[in-house]
Amino acid sequence: MPQSLDYLKETPSQTAGPYVHIGLAPGAAGFQIYDQELGQDIAGPNATGERIRVEGLVIDGTGSPVKDVLLEVWQANADGVYPHPEHAGHESVEEGFRGWGRVITNFETGEWAFDTVKPGALMGRNGQMMAPHINLWIVARGINVGLNTRLYFDDEAEANAADPVINVIEWEKRRETLIAKRSERDGETVYRFDIRLQGGDETVFFDI
């Protein structure tokens, strides 16, 4: 008689839980484990290009800010190169440029922000140029699977119009949810990018 096989069942989905900051950003939770919190320095002191600040809120379906969010950031440098050995030209990336960071929302206001350099346009896997952008991954309580999105810049309209990823989105109104708004504040360039989890202006999220 053939022996029956027992197969493992899929593990139930879980949210990030209330301890995500202790595990991924312990300093923000009051635990001084590291001399420098992992992921705070994205560009490093030697990076060339325009220094910018990116800030915003993560907003739920009721219009309220979510106050326990963690965001991870990936980006190319000002020349459009990632500091990864599989990316062409990575040898030229400035010393100290990581292109990766991790930030959390303010527990009281829900605001998040990070400082970096504005990335340059870069070649996509399909041989098409992609507009300057920053990749974001969002986790929080109530989110079973981390959400992936992109931040583009409103002063890169020509590059955005030709970007192969933006053009996958059928509705122009939906494309606008990926565009950060530029302003100047106290001599600093600031881009505002609010992320909406639900509702009519829900941010476009990508299945990666």
C-alpha atoms as a PDB file:
ATOM      1  CA  MET A   1       0.000   0.000   0.000  1.00  0.00           C
ATOM      2  CA  PRO A   2       1.486   3.389  -0.952  1.00  0.00           C
ATOM      3  CA  GLN A   3       2.433   5.513   2.016  1.00  0.00           C
ATOM      4  CA  SER A   4       0.493   8.771   2.368  1.00  0.00           C
ATOM      5  CA  LEU A   5       2.487  11.994   2.466  1.00  0.00           C
ATOM      6  CA  ASP A   6       1.858  14.762   4.963  1.00  0.00           C
ATOM      7  CA  TYR A   7       2.342  18.217   3.503  1.00  0.00           C
ATOM      8  CA  LEU A   8       3.148  21.314   5.485  1.00  0.00           C
ATOM      9  CA  LYS A   9       0.394  23.897   5.525  1.00  0.00           C
ATOM     10  CA  GLU A  10       0.894  27.563   4.741  1.00  0.00           C
ATOM     11  CA  THR A  11       1.696  29.668   7.787  1.00  0.00           C
ATOM     12  CA  PRO A  12      -1.134  32.121   8.574  1.00  0.00           C
ATOM     13  CA  SER A  13      -0.504  35.748   7.608  1.00  0.00           C
ATOM     14  CA  GLN A  14       0.583  38.073  10.385  1.00  0.00           C
ATOM     15  CA  THR A  15       0.874  41.836  10.627  1.00  0.00           C
ATOM     16  CA  ALA A  16       4.098  43.543  11.634  1.00  0.00           C
ATOM     17  CA  GLY A  17       2.821  43.597  15.218  1.00  0.00           C
ATOM     18  CA  PRO A  18       3.399  46.142  17.979  1.00  0.00           C
ATOM     19  CA  TYR A  19       7.105  45.306  18.332  1.00  0.00           C
ATOM     20  CA  VAL A  20       8.313  46.159  14.834  1.00  0.00           C
ATOM     21  CA  HIS A  21      10.265  49.181  16.072  1.00  0.00           C
ATOM     22  CA  ILE A  22      12.041  47.231  18.803  1.00  0.00           C
ATOM     23  CA  GLY A  23      13.260  44.735  16.218  1.00  0.00           C
ATOM     24  CA  LEU A  24      14.023  47.065  13.303  1.00  0.00           C
ATOM     25  CA  ALA A  25      14.514  50.524  14.816  1.00  0.00           C
ATOM     26  CA  PRO A  26      15.265  49.934  18.510  1.00  0.00           C
ATOM     27  CA  GLY A  27      16.568  53.456  19.138  1.00  0.00           C
ATOM     28  CA  ALA A  28      13.167  54.920  18.307  1.00  0.00           C
ATOM     29  CA  ALA A  29      11.589  52.554  20.836  1.00  0.00           C
ATOM     30  CA  GLY A  30      13.980  53.678  23.571  1.00  0.00           C
ATOM     31  CA  PHE A  31      16.510  50.854  23.337  1.00  0.00           C
ATOM     32  CA  GLN A  32      20.052  52.135  22.726  1.00  0.00           C
ATOM     33  CA  ILE A  33      21.521  48.939  21.290  1.00  0.00           C
ATOM     34  CA  TYR A  34      23.673  50.414  18.509  1.00  0.00           C
ATOM     35  CA  ASP A  35      26.036  53.379  18.340  1.00  0.00           C
ATOM     36  CA  GLN A  36      24.237  54.361  15.152  1.00  0.00           C
ATOM     37  CA  GLU A  37      20.754  53.189  14.230  1.00  0.00           C
ATOM     38  CA  LEU A  38      20.807  50.883  11.206  1.00  0.00           C
ATOM     39  CA  GLY A  39      19.671  52.613   8.033  1.00  0.00           C
ATOM     40  CA  GLN A  40      19.723  56.235   9.162  1.00  0.00           C
ATOM     41  CA  ASP A  41      22.447  57.386   6.748  1.00  0.00           C
ATOM     42  CA  ILE A  42      21.300  56.840   3.149  1.00  0.00           C
ATOM     43  CA  ALA A  43      23.681  58.971   1.092  1.00  0.00           C
ATOM     44  CA  GLY A  44      26.736  59.484   3.275  1.00  0.00           C
ATOM     45  CA  PRO A  45      28.933  62.582   3.402  1.00  0.00           C
ATOM     46  CA  ASN A  46      30.683  62.025   0.061  1.00  0.00           C
ATOM     47  CA  ALA A  47      27.631  61.757  -2.189  1.00  0.00           C
ATOM     48  CA  THR A  48      27.432  64.244  -5.033  1.00  0.00           C
ATOM     49  CA  GLY A  49      24.219  65.754  -6.351  1.00  0.00           C
ATOM     50  CA  GLU A  50      21.427  67.811  -4.847  1.00  0.00           C
ATOM     51  CA  ARG A  51      20.768  67.295  -1.163  1.00  0.00           C
ATOM     52  CA  ILE A  52      17.047  66.906  -0.466  1.00  0.00           C
ATOM     53  CA  ARG A  53      14.652  66.149   2.351  1.00  0.00           C
ATOM     54  CA  VAL A  54      11.656  63.856   1.781  1.00  0.00           C
ATOM     55  CA  GLU A  55       8.743  63.933   4.211  1.00  0.00           C
ATOM     56  CA  GLY A  56       5.108  62.930   4.501  1.00  0.00           C
ATOM     57  CA  LEU A  57       2.397  60.982   6.274  1.00  0.00           C
ATOM     58  CA  VAL A  58       0.949  57.507   5.894  1.00  0.00           C
ATOM     59  CA  ILE A  59      -2.832  58.001   5.903  1.00  0.00           C
ATOM     60  CA  ASP A  60      -5.497  55.346   6.499  1.00  0.00           C
ATOM     61  CA  GLY A  61      -8.935  55.000   4.939  1.00  0.00           C
ATOM     62  CA  THR A  62     -10.525  57.404   7.446  1.00  0.00           C
ATOM     63  CA  GLY A  63      -8.039  60.159   6.603  1.00  0.00           C
ATOM     64  CA  SER A  64      -6.105  59.753   9.841  1.00  0.00           C
ATOM     65  CA  PRO A  65      -2.300  59.451  10.042  1.00  0.00           C
ATOM     66  CA  VAL A  66      -0.914  56.008  10.916  1.00  0.00           C
ATOM     67  CA  LYS A  67       1.588  56.494  13.727  1.00  0.00           C
ATOM     68  CA  ASP A  68       3.454  53.193  13.967  1.00  0.00           C
ATOM     69  CA  VAL A  69       4.779  52.776  10.416  1.00  0.00           C
ATOM     70  CA  LEU A  70       8.239  51.685   9.368  1.00  0.00           C
ATOM     71  CA  LEU A  71       9.478  52.581   5.874  1.00  0.00           C
ATOM     72  CA  GLU A  72      12.507  51.185   4.085  1.00  0.00           C
ATOM     73  CA  VAL A  73      14.077  53.204   1.281  1.00  0.00           C
ATOM     74  CA  TRP A  74      16.133  52.125  -1.744  1.00  0.00           C
ATOM     75  CA  GLN A  75      17.563  54.494  -4.333  1.00  0.00           C
ATOM     76  CA  ALA A  76      20.315  55.092  -6.872  1.00  0.00           C
ATOM     77  CA  ASN A  77      22.851  57.889  -6.495  1.00  0.00           C
ATOM     78  CA  ALA A  78      22.784  61.153  -8.451  1.00  0.00           C
ATOM     79  CA  ASP A  79      24.326  59.370 -11.449  1.00  0.00           C
ATOM     80  CA  GLY A  80      21.582  56.738 -11.488  1.00  0.00           C
ATOM     81  CA  VAL A  81      23.744  53.936 -10.085  1.00  0.00           C
ATOM     82  CA  TYR A  82      22.897  51.551  -7.246  1.00  0.00           C
ATOM     83  CA  PRO A  83      25.701  50.471  -4.885  1.00  0.00           C
ATOM     84  CA  HIS A  84      25.174  46.835  -5.785  1.00  0.00           C
ATOM     85  CA  PRO A  85      27.775  44.584  -7.424  1.00  0.00           C
ATOM     86  CA  GLU A  86      25.272  43.470 -10.089  1.00  0.00           C
ATOM     87  CA  HIS A  87      24.522  47.022 -11.195  1.00  0.00           C
ATOM     88  CA  ALA A  88      26.708  48.317 -14.033  1.00  0.00           C
ATOM     89  CA  GLY A  89      29.004  51.094 -12.895  1.00  0.00           C
ATOM     90  CA  HIS A  90      28.707  50.337  -9.194  1.00  0.00           C
ATOM     91  CA  GLU A  91      32.488  50.820  -8.869  1.00  0.00           C
ATOM     92  CA  SER A  92      31.946  54.558  -9.349  1.00  0.00           C
ATOM     93  CA  VAL A  93      29.512  54.946  -6.440  1.00  0.00           C
ATOM     94  CA  GLU A  94      30.809  57.341  -3.807  1.00  0.00           C
ATOM     95  CA  GLU A  95      32.345  55.882  -0.682  1.00  0.00           C
ATOM     96  CA  GLY A  96      29.732  55.727   2.047  1.00  0.00           C
ATOM     97  CA  PHE A  97      26.727  55.882  -0.281  1.00  0.00           C
ATOM     98  CA  ARG A  98      24.470  53.024   0.821  1.00  0.00           C
ATOM     99  CA  GLY A  99      21.352  53.827  -1.169  1.00  0.00           C
ATOM    100  CA  TRP A 100      19.272  52.208   1.570  1.00  0.00           C
ATOM    101  CA  GLY A 101      17.650  53.545   4.699  1.00  0.00           C
ATOM    102  CA  ARG A 102      15.035  52.870   7.320  1.00  0.00           C
ATOM    103  CA  VAL A 103      12.784  55.466   8.945  1.00  0.00           C
ATOM    104  CA  ILE A 104       9.746  55.380  11.200  1.00  0.00           C
ATOM    105  CA  THR A 105       6.841  57.715  11.733  1.00  0.00           C
ATOM    106  CA  ASN A 106       6.688  60.067  14.688  1.00  0.00           C
ATOM    107  CA  PHE A 107       4.629  58.330  17.377  1.00  0.00           C
ATOM    108  CA  GLU A 108       2.715  61.540  18.124  1.00  0.00           C
ATOM    109  CA  THR A 109       2.157  63.144  14.706  1.00  0.00           C
ATOM    110  CA  GLY A 110       2.628  60.318  12.205  1.00  0.00           C
ATOM    111  CA  GLU A 111       5.136  62.406  10.221  1.00  0.00           C
ATOM    112  CA  TRP A 112       8.139  60.662   8.678  1.00  0.00           C
ATOM    113  CA  ALA A 113      11.167  62.173   6.946  1.00  0.00           C
ATOM    114  CA  PHE A 114      14.633  61.377   5.672  1.00  0.00           C
ATOM    115  CA  ASP A 115      17.566  63.271   4.145  1.00  0.00           C
ATOM    116  CA  THR A 116      19.369  62.048   1.054  1.00  0.00           C
ATOM    117  CA  VAL A 117      20.475  63.126  -2.423  1.00  0.00           C
ATOM    118  CA  LYS A 118      18.128  63.281  -5.374  1.00  0.00           C
ATOM    119  CA  PRO A 119      18.654  60.128  -7.480  1.00  0.00           C
ATOM    120  CA  GLY A 120      19.382  60.293 -11.178  1.00  0.00           C
ATOM    121  CA  ALA A 121      17.619  58.576 -14.072  1.00  0.00           C
ATOM    122  CA  LEU A 122      18.723  55.000 -14.650  1.00  0.00           C
ATOM    123  CA  MET A 123      18.445  52.167 -17.132  1.00  0.00           C
ATOM    124  CA  GLY A 124      15.726  49.612 -16.419  1.00  0.00           C
ATOM    125  CA  ARG A 125      15.979  45.871 -16.944  1.00  0.00           C
ATOM    126  CA  ASN A 126      14.115  46.149 -20.238  1.00  0.00           C
ATOM    127  CA  GLY A 127      16.601  48.642 -21.674  1.00  0.00           C
ATOM    128  CA  GLN A 128      14.322  51.659 -21.141  1.00  0.00           C
ATOM    129  CA  MET A 129      15.354  54.667 -19.090  1.00  0.00           C
ATOM    130  CA  MET A 130      13.492  55.095 -15.826  1.00  0.00           C
ATOM    131  CA  ALA A 131      12.816  58.505 -14.352  1.00  0.00           C
ATOM    132  CA  PRO A 132      14.531  59.458 -11.091  1.00  0.00           C
ATOM    133  CA  HIS A 133      12.686  57.721  -8.276  1.00  0.00           C
ATOM    134  CA  ILE A 134      12.934  56.301  -4.767  1.00  0.00           C
ATOM    135  CA  ASN A 135      11.595  52.860  -3.859  1.00  0.00           C
ATOM    136  CA  LEU A 136       9.616  52.543  -0.613  1.00  0.00           C
ATOM    137  CA  TRP A 137       8.489  49.518   1.409  1.00  0.00           C
ATOM    138  CA  ILE A 138       5.884  50.120   4.119  1.00  0.00           C
ATOM    139  CA  VAL A 139       4.961  47.938   7.101  1.00  0.00           C
ATOM    140  CA  ALA A 140       2.755  48.585  10.137  1.00  0.00           C
ATOM    141  CA  ARG A 141       0.186  46.931  12.341  1.00  0.00           C
ATOM    142  CA  GLY A 142      -2.804  46.005  10.217  1.00  0.00           C
ATOM    143  CA  ILE A 143      -0.710  45.429   7.074  1.00  0.00           C
ATOM    144  CA  ASN A 144      -0.354  41.695   6.443  1.00  0.00           C
ATOM    145  CA  VAL A 145       2.096  42.025   3.554  1.00  0.00           C
ATOM    146  CA  GLY A 146       4.554  44.918   3.199  1.00  0.00           C
ATOM    147  CA  LEU A 147       3.483  47.474   0.595  1.00  0.00           C
ATOM    148  CA  ASN A 148       5.838  48.453  -2.234  1.00  0.00           C
ATOM    149  CA  THR A 149       5.559  51.793  -4.000  1.00  0.00           C
ATOM    150  CA  ARG A 150       7.684  54.405  -5.743  1.00  0.00           C
ATOM    151  CA  LEU A 151       8.221  58.111  -5.248  1.00  0.00           C
ATOM    152  CA  TYR A 152       8.764  60.231  -8.356  1.00  0.00           C
ATOM    153  CA  PHE A 153       9.523  63.968  -8.504  1.00  0.00           C
ATOM    154  CA  ASP A 154       7.169  66.628  -9.856  1.00  0.00           C
ATOM    155  CA  ASP A 155      10.037  68.632 -11.366  1.00  0.00           C
ATOM    156  CA  GLU A 156      10.945  65.662 -13.605  1.00  0.00           C
ATOM    157  CA  ALA A 157       7.797  65.831 -15.743  1.00  0.00           C
ATOM    158  CA  GLU A 158       9.480  64.911 -19.041  1.00  0.00           C
ATOM    159  CA  ALA A 159      11.281  61.904 -17.576  1.00  0.00           C
ATOM    160  CA  ASN A 160       8.127  60.832 -15.712  1.00  0.00           C
ATOM    161  CA  ALA A 161       6.093  60.917 -18.930  1.00  0.00           C
ATOM    162  CA  ALA A 162       8.470  58.381 -20.498  1.00  0.00           C
ATOM    163  CA  ASP A 163       8.962  56.162 -17.452  1.00  0.00           C
ATOM    164  CA  PRO A 164       7.986  52.554 -18.272  1.00  0.00           C
ATOM    165  CA  VAL A 165       6.658  51.819 -14.782  1.00  0.00           C
ATOM    166  CA  ILE A 166       4.420  54.881 -14.508  1.00  0.00           C
ATOM    167  CA  ASN A 167       3.042  54.149 -17.960  1.00  0.00           C
ATOM    168  CA  VAL A 168       1.860  50.714 -16.825  1.00  0.00           C
ATOM    169  CA  ILE A 169      -0.737  52.588 -14.722  1.00  0.00           C
ATOM    170  CA  GLU A 170      -3.770  53.170 -16.932  1.00  0.00           C
ATOM    171  CA  TRP A 171      -5.377  56.144 -15.197  1.00  0.00           C
ATOM    172  CA  GLU A 172      -3.471  59.453 -15.052  1.00  0.00           C
ATOM    173  CA  LYS A 173      -5.136  60.340 -11.751  1.00  0.00           C
ATOM    174  CA  ARG A 174      -3.663  57.173 -10.263  1.00  0.00           C
ATOM    175  CA  ARG A 175      -0.216  58.069 -11.594  1.00  0.00           C
ATOM    176  CA  GLU A 176      -0.358  61.321  -9.652  1.00  0.00           C
ATOM    177  CA  THR A 177      -0.329  59.381  -6.373  1.00  0.00           C
ATOM    178  CA  LEU A 178       3.343  58.560  -7.038  1.00  0.00           C
ATOM    179  CA  ILE A 179       4.494  62.159  -7.529  1.00  0.00           C
ATOM    180  CA  ALA A 180       6.199  64.077  -4.701  1.00  0.00           C
ATOM    181  CA  LYS A 181       5.747  67.849  -4.608  1.00  0.00           C
ATOM    182  CA  ARG A 182       8.818  70.072  -4.432  1.00  0.00           C
ATOM    183  CA  SER A 183       9.143  73.180  -2.270  1.00  0.00           C
ATOM    184  CA  GLU A 184      11.901  75.276  -0.729  1.00  0.00           C
ATOM    185  CA  ARG A 185      12.037  75.815   3.035  1.00  0.00           C
ATOM    186  CA  ASP A 186      14.756  77.727   4.838  1.00  0.00           C
ATOM    187  CA  GLY A 187      17.150  77.170   1.947  1.00  0.00           C
ATOM    188  CA  GLU A 188      16.446  73.433   1.881  1.00  0.00           C
ATOM    189  CA  THR A 189      14.795  71.472  -0.940  1.00  0.00           C
ATOM    190  CA  VAL A 190      11.854  69.491   0.433  1.00  0.00           C
ATOM    191  CA  TYR A 191       9.676  66.944  -1.366  1.00  0.00           C
ATOM    192  CA  ARG A 192       6.282  66.121   0.133  1.00  0.00           C
ATOM    193  CA  PHE A 193       4.947  62.605  -0.385  1.00  0.00           C
ATOM    194  CA  ASP A 194       1.865  61.438   1.509  1.00  0.00           C
ATOM    195  CA  ILE A 195       1.029  57.740   1.216  1.00  0.00           C
ATOM    196  CA  ARG A 196      -2.681  56.852   1.299  1.00  0.00           C
ATOM    197  CA  LEU A 197      -3.500  53.257   2.175  1.00  0.00           C
ATOM    198  CA  GLN A 198      -7.165  53.345   1.091  1.00  0.00           C
ATOM    199  CA  GLY A 199      -9.786  55.583  -0.459  1.00  0.00           C
ATOM    200  CA  GLY A 200     -10.267  57.432  -3.715  1.00  0.00           C
ATOM    201  CA  ASP A 201      -6.696  58.769  -3.726  1.00  0.00           C
ATOM    202  CA  GLU A 202      -5.097  55.484  -2.657  1.00  0.00           C
ATOM    203  CA  THR A 203      -1.399  55.373  -3.528  1.00  0.00           C
ATOM    204  CA  VAL A 204      -0.439  52.919  -6.257  1.00  0.00           C
ATOM    205  CA  PHE A 205       1.250  49.846  -4.753  1.00  0.00           C
ATOM    206  CA  PHE A 206       3.186  47.295  -6.783  1.00  0.00           C
ATOM    207  CA  ASP A 207       3.082  43.502  -6.580  1.00  0.00           C
ATOM    208  CA  ILE A 208       6.780  42.649  -6.385  1.00  0.00           C
END
